[in-house]
Amino acid sequence: MQPKDILAISGKPGLYKVLNTTQRAIVVESMGEGKRSAVPSSARVSSFEDISIFTYDEDLPLSEVLNTLHAHLKGGDAPNSKEPHDTLRSFVTEVVPDLDQERVYHSDLKKLCTWYNELNKLNVLPFVSEEDAIEADAEAVTTDEAPAEGEAKEVAVEEVSEDKAASEE
């Protein structure tokens, strides 16, 4: 799953997967429950591809921060969002050292940890880049279409053996 397919909808808890978009609505499915619903196009919807975290140098894409968290925690869980402010801030600062301390609020840290834990529980992390996903799909297609070199030879040998056995009888 790509970050562009994951949505956060203002006023609705949890994360959503994009199923279809129309001019008037976005059809989404709750990632946790699997329930489908239509969200009006006037709703405040944020794609994970468009969300970034403030740092002192440049803004980091959310997908990159989540991948860094996943690598840092070795696939484990992040602190609970109900942890004290100092605990959450020190944890995220440990993972993203140049985090802009003034522009990243406590509510942002809570969302980051909650989203990470939810995506980790669903085995969506780590995200792969779109180029890597395209390459993996291309490799899967080429290996599915053509049999391996050894397999083709075995089939040919078996056919010759059967023809030979029939002619001997």
C-alpha atoms as a PDB file:
ATOM      1  CA  MET A   1       0.000   0.000   0.000  1.00  0.00           C
ATOM      2  CA  GLN A   2       1.243   3.450  -0.895  1.00  0.00           C
ATOM      3  CA  PRO A   3       0.975   6.574   1.326  1.00  0.00           C
ATOM      4  CA  LYS A   4      -1.198   8.240  -1.341  1.00  0.00           C
ATOM      5  CA  ASP A   5      -3.888   5.593  -0.703  1.00  0.00           C
ATOM      6  CA  ILE A   6      -4.175   6.345   3.035  1.00  0.00           C
ATOM      7  CA  LEU A   7      -6.346   9.209   4.262  1.00  0.00           C
ATOM      8  CA  ALA A   8      -6.902  11.012   7.530  1.00  0.00           C
ATOM      9  CA  ILE A   9     -10.354  12.616   7.643  1.00  0.00           C
ATOM     10  CA  SER A  10     -10.981  15.576   9.921  1.00  0.00           C
ATOM     11  CA  GLY A  11     -13.664  14.770  12.483  1.00  0.00           C
ATOM     12  CA  LYS A  12     -13.445  10.985  11.944  1.00  0.00           C
ATOM     13  CA  PRO A  13     -11.237   8.713  14.023  1.00  0.00           C
ATOM     14  CA  GLY A  14      -8.825   6.279  12.428  1.00  0.00           C
ATOM     15  CA  LEU A  15      -7.313   5.947   8.990  1.00  0.00           C
ATOM     16  CA  TYR A  16      -9.032   5.222   5.702  1.00  0.00           C
ATOM     17  CA  LYS A  17      -8.090   3.576   2.436  1.00  0.00           C
ATOM     18  CA  VAL A  18      -9.184   5.251  -0.811  1.00  0.00           C
ATOM     19  CA  LEU A  19     -11.395   3.001  -2.926  1.00  0.00           C
ATOM     20  CA  ASN A  20     -12.741   5.448  -5.499  1.00  0.00           C
ATOM     21  CA  THR A  21     -13.118   9.159  -6.079  1.00  0.00           C
ATOM     22  CA  THR A  22     -15.922  10.978  -7.807  1.00  0.00           C
ATOM     23  CA  GLN A  23     -16.674  14.634  -8.343  1.00  0.00           C
ATOM     24  CA  ARG A  24     -18.901  14.820  -5.255  1.00  0.00           C
ATOM     25  CA  ALA A  25     -17.471  12.235  -2.875  1.00  0.00           C
ATOM     26  CA  ILE A  26     -14.600   9.945  -1.990  1.00  0.00           C
ATOM     27  CA  VAL A  27     -15.444   6.311  -1.311  1.00  0.00           C
ATOM     28  CA  VAL A  28     -13.278   5.110   1.571  1.00  0.00           C
ATOM     29  CA  GLU A  29     -12.873   2.021   3.701  1.00  0.00           C
ATOM     30  CA  SER A  30     -11.902   2.149   7.354  1.00  0.00           C
ATOM     31  CA  MET A  31      -8.527   0.432   7.686  1.00  0.00           C
ATOM     32  CA  GLY A  32      -9.310  -0.931  11.124  1.00  0.00           C
ATOM     33  CA  GLU A  33     -12.924  -2.050  10.718  1.00  0.00           C
ATOM     34  CA  GLY A  34     -13.238  -2.495   6.962  1.00  0.00           C
ATOM     35  CA  LYS A  35     -16.484  -0.497   6.784  1.00  0.00           C
ATOM     36  CA  ARG A  36     -17.064   1.458   3.596  1.00  0.00           C
ATOM     37  CA  SER A  37     -18.502   4.946   3.460  1.00  0.00           C
ATOM     38  CA  ALA A  38     -18.677   8.002   1.232  1.00  0.00           C
ATOM     39  CA  VAL A  39     -17.043  11.214   2.365  1.00  0.00           C
ATOM     40  CA  PRO A  40     -18.246  14.437   0.731  1.00  0.00           C
ATOM     41  CA  SER A  41     -15.623  16.246  -1.308  1.00  0.00           C
ATOM     42  CA  SER A  42     -16.143  19.279   0.925  1.00  0.00           C
ATOM     43  CA  ALA A  43     -14.713  17.409   3.946  1.00  0.00           C
ATOM     44  CA  ARG A  44     -11.180  18.136   5.117  1.00  0.00           C
ATOM     45  CA  VAL A  45      -9.287  15.097   3.893  1.00  0.00           C
ATOM     46  CA  SER A  46      -5.499  14.686   4.048  1.00  0.00           C
ATOM     47  CA  SER A  47      -3.573  12.088   2.114  1.00  0.00           C
ATOM     48  CA  PHE A  48      -0.481  10.681   3.827  1.00  0.00           C
ATOM     49  CA  GLU A  49       1.422  11.692   0.705  1.00  0.00           C
ATOM     50  CA  ASP A  50       0.641  15.366   1.447  1.00  0.00           C
ATOM     51  CA  ILE A  51       1.437  15.369   5.180  1.00  0.00           C
ATOM     52  CA  SER A  52       4.901  16.316   6.395  1.00  0.00           C
ATOM     53  CA  ILE A  53       6.664  16.934   9.705  1.00  0.00           C
ATOM     54  CA  PHE A  54       8.387  20.248  10.426  1.00  0.00           C
ATOM     55  CA  THR A  55      12.142  20.083  10.940  1.00  0.00           C
ATOM     56  CA  TYR A  56      14.741  22.831  11.170  1.00  0.00           C
ATOM     57  CA  ASP A  57      16.229  22.002   7.746  1.00  0.00           C
ATOM     58  CA  GLU A  58      13.374  20.868   5.514  1.00  0.00           C
ATOM     59  CA  ASP A  59       9.986  19.273   6.042  1.00  0.00           C
ATOM     60  CA  LEU A  60      10.079  15.471   6.112  1.00  0.00           C
ATOM     61  CA  PRO A  61       7.293  13.506   4.401  1.00  0.00           C
ATOM     62  CA  LEU A  62       5.155  11.551   6.863  1.00  0.00           C
ATOM     63  CA  SER A  63       5.889   8.283   5.061  1.00  0.00           C
ATOM     64  CA  GLU A  64       9.627   8.805   5.586  1.00  0.00           C
ATOM     65  CA  VAL A  65       9.114   9.550   9.297  1.00  0.00           C
ATOM     66  CA  LEU A  66       6.937   6.438   9.708  1.00  0.00           C
ATOM     67  CA  ASN A  67       9.565   4.289   7.948  1.00  0.00           C
ATOM     68  CA  THR A  68      12.249   5.753  10.230  1.00  0.00           C
ATOM     69  CA  LEU A  69      10.108   4.989  13.285  1.00  0.00           C
ATOM     70  CA  HIS A  70       9.578   1.422  12.046  1.00  0.00           C
ATOM     71  CA  ALA A  71      13.325   0.911  11.570  1.00  0.00           C
ATOM     72  CA  HIS A  72      14.145   2.513  14.939  1.00  0.00           C
ATOM     73  CA  LEU A  73      11.604   0.373  16.808  1.00  0.00           C
ATOM     74  CA  LYS A  74      12.460  -2.753  14.764  1.00  0.00           C
ATOM     75  CA  GLY A  75       8.756  -3.261  14.054  1.00  0.00           C
ATOM     76  CA  GLY A  76       7.709  -2.754  17.678  1.00  0.00           C
ATOM     77  CA  ASP A  77       5.063  -0.393  19.015  1.00  0.00           C
ATOM     78  CA  ALA A  78       5.527   3.323  19.593  1.00  0.00           C
ATOM     79  CA  PRO A  79       4.598   4.855  22.945  1.00  0.00           C
ATOM     80  CA  ASN A  80       0.890   5.164  23.602  1.00  0.00           C
ATOM     81  CA  SER A  81      -0.572   8.538  22.632  1.00  0.00           C
ATOM     82  CA  LYS A  82      -1.757   8.968  26.228  1.00  0.00           C
ATOM     83  CA  GLU A  83       1.826   9.152  27.512  1.00  0.00           C
ATOM     84  CA  PRO A  84       2.926  12.482  29.016  1.00  0.00           C
ATOM     85  CA  HIS A  85       4.020  15.247  26.658  1.00  0.00           C
ATOM     86  CA  ASP A  86       7.707  15.018  27.636  1.00  0.00           C
ATOM     87  CA  THR A  87       7.815  11.271  26.949  1.00  0.00           C
ATOM     88  CA  LEU A  88       6.317  11.611  23.467  1.00  0.00           C
ATOM     89  CA  ARG A  89       8.486  14.587  22.540  1.00  0.00           C
ATOM     90  CA  SER A  90      11.722  12.914  23.687  1.00  0.00           C
ATOM     91  CA  PHE A  91      10.795   9.718  21.809  1.00  0.00           C
ATOM     92  CA  VAL A  92      10.080  11.505  18.515  1.00  0.00           C
ATOM     93  CA  THR A  93      13.141  13.756  18.933  1.00  0.00           C
ATOM     94  CA  GLU A  94      15.255  10.628  19.386  1.00  0.00           C
ATOM     95  CA  VAL A  95      14.021   9.333  16.016  1.00  0.00           C
ATOM     96  CA  VAL A  96      13.891  12.706  14.210  1.00  0.00           C
ATOM     97  CA  PRO A  97      16.708  14.716  15.850  1.00  0.00           C
ATOM     98  CA  ASP A  98      16.117  17.957  13.918  1.00  0.00           C
ATOM     99  CA  LEU A  99      12.399  18.109  14.774  1.00  0.00           C
ATOM    100  CA  ASP A 100      11.212  21.732  14.946  1.00  0.00           C
ATOM    101  CA  GLN A 101      10.288  21.944  18.625  1.00  0.00           C
ATOM    102  CA  GLU A 102       8.223  25.128  18.252  1.00  0.00           C
ATOM    103  CA  ARG A 103       6.068  24.205  15.268  1.00  0.00           C
ATOM    104  CA  VAL A 104       5.330  20.543  16.116  1.00  0.00           C
ATOM    105  CA  TYR A 105       2.575  20.453  18.730  1.00  0.00           C
ATOM    106  CA  HIS A 106       1.732  17.785  21.277  1.00  0.00           C
ATOM    107  CA  SER A 107      -1.393  16.846  19.274  1.00  0.00           C
ATOM    108  CA  ASP A 108       0.850  16.195  16.235  1.00  0.00           C
ATOM    109  CA  LEU A 109       3.037  13.849  18.260  1.00  0.00           C
ATOM    110  CA  LYS A 110      -0.032  12.007  19.553  1.00  0.00           C
ATOM    111  CA  LYS A 111      -1.358  11.567  15.990  1.00  0.00           C
ATOM    112  CA  LEU A 112       2.033  10.377  14.764  1.00  0.00           C
ATOM    113  CA  CYS A 113       2.278   7.675  17.446  1.00  0.00           C
ATOM    114  CA  THR A 114      -1.370   6.636  17.009  1.00  0.00           C
ATOM    115  CA  TRP A 115      -1.049   6.396  13.219  1.00  0.00           C
ATOM    116  CA  TYR A 116       2.231   4.495  13.475  1.00  0.00           C
ATOM    117  CA  ASN A 117       0.762   1.938  15.895  1.00  0.00           C
ATOM    118  CA  GLU A 118      -2.359   1.480  13.745  1.00  0.00           C
ATOM    119  CA  LEU A 119      -0.400   0.996  10.510  1.00  0.00           C
ATOM    120  CA  ASN A 120       2.105  -1.290  12.236  1.00  0.00           C
ATOM    121  CA  LYS A 121      -0.724  -3.434  13.609  1.00  0.00           C
ATOM    122  CA  LEU A 122      -2.114  -3.763  10.058  1.00  0.00           C
ATOM    123  CA  ASN A 123       1.360  -4.731   8.710  1.00  0.00           C
ATOM    124  CA  VAL A 124       1.390  -1.812   6.253  1.00  0.00           C
ATOM    125  CA  LEU A 125       4.824  -0.563   7.342  1.00  0.00           C
ATOM    126  CA  PRO A 126       7.426   0.025   6.085  1.00  0.00           C
ATOM    127  CA  PHE A 127       6.196   1.880   3.034  1.00  0.00           C
ATOM    128  CA  VAL A 128       8.050   1.147  -0.187  1.00  0.00           C
ATOM    129  CA  SER A 129       8.735   3.916  -2.644  1.00  0.00           C
ATOM    130  CA  GLU A 130       6.516   4.020  -5.701  1.00  0.00           C
ATOM    131  CA  GLU A 131       9.500   3.196  -7.966  1.00  0.00           C
ATOM    132  CA  ASP A 132      10.331   0.095  -5.873  1.00  0.00           C
ATOM    133  CA  ALA A 133       6.690  -1.011  -5.990  1.00  0.00           C
ATOM    134  CA  ILE A 134       6.640  -0.674  -9.792  1.00  0.00           C
ATOM    135  CA  GLU A 135       9.876  -2.661 -10.086  1.00  0.00           C
ATOM    136  CA  ALA A 136       8.530  -5.402  -7.788  1.00  0.00           C
ATOM    137  CA  ASP A 137       5.324  -5.629  -9.855  1.00  0.00           C
ATOM    138  CA  ALA A 138       7.344  -5.847 -13.076  1.00  0.00           C
ATOM    139  CA  GLU A 139       9.522  -8.616 -11.649  1.00  0.00           C
ATOM    140  CA  ALA A 140       6.459 -10.552 -10.487  1.00  0.00           C
ATOM    141  CA  VAL A 141       4.889 -10.304 -13.957  1.00  0.00           C
ATOM    142  CA  THR A 142       8.025 -11.523 -15.750  1.00  0.00           C
ATOM    143  CA  THR A 143       8.511 -14.476 -13.406  1.00  0.00           C
ATOM    144  CA  ASP A 144       4.833 -15.467 -13.680  1.00  0.00           C
ATOM    145  CA  GLU A 145       4.769 -15.375 -17.488  1.00  0.00           C
ATOM    146  CA  ALA A 146       7.897 -17.299 -18.405  1.00  0.00           C
ATOM    147  CA  PRO A 147       8.812 -20.612 -16.804  1.00  0.00           C
ATOM    148  CA  ALA A 148      12.284 -20.944 -15.421  1.00  0.00           C
ATOM    149  CA  GLU A 149      14.895 -22.248 -17.832  1.00  0.00           C
ATOM    150  CA  GLY A 150      15.258 -25.595 -16.045  1.00  0.00           C
ATOM    151  CA  GLU A 151      11.472 -26.167 -16.060  1.00  0.00           C
ATOM    152  CA  ALA A 152      11.204 -25.841 -19.825  1.00  0.00           C
ATOM    153  CA  LYS A 153      13.981 -28.403 -20.356  1.00  0.00           C
ATOM    154  CA  GLU A 154      12.362 -30.907 -18.011  1.00  0.00           C
ATOM    155  CA  VAL A 155       9.065 -30.715 -19.868  1.00  0.00           C
ATOM    156  CA  ALA A 156      10.808 -31.259 -23.197  1.00  0.00           C
ATOM    157  CA  VAL A 157      12.726 -34.270 -21.844  1.00  0.00           C
ATOM    158  CA  GLU A 158       9.540 -35.827 -20.470  1.00  0.00           C
ATOM    159  CA  GLU A 159       7.752 -35.428 -23.802  1.00  0.00           C
ATOM    160  CA  VAL A 160      10.640 -37.069 -25.679  1.00  0.00           C
ATOM    161  CA  SER A 161      10.728 -39.936 -23.175  1.00  0.00           C
ATOM    162  CA  GLU A 162       6.987 -40.555 -23.605  1.00  0.00           C
ATOM    163  CA  ASP A 163       7.294 -40.540 -27.416  1.00  0.00           C
ATOM    164  CA  LYS A 164      10.226 -42.946 -27.234  1.00  0.00           C
ATOM    165  CA  ALA A 165       8.334 -45.312 -24.936  1.00  0.00           C
ATOM    166  CA  ALA A 166       5.324 -45.307 -27.277  1.00  0.00           C
ATOM    167  CA  SER A 167       7.455 -46.144 -30.314  1.00  0.00           C
ATOM    168  CA  GLU A 168       9.166 -49.053 -28.502  1.00  0.00           C
ATOM    169  CA  GLU A 169       5.831 -50.723 -27.769  1.00  0.00           C
END
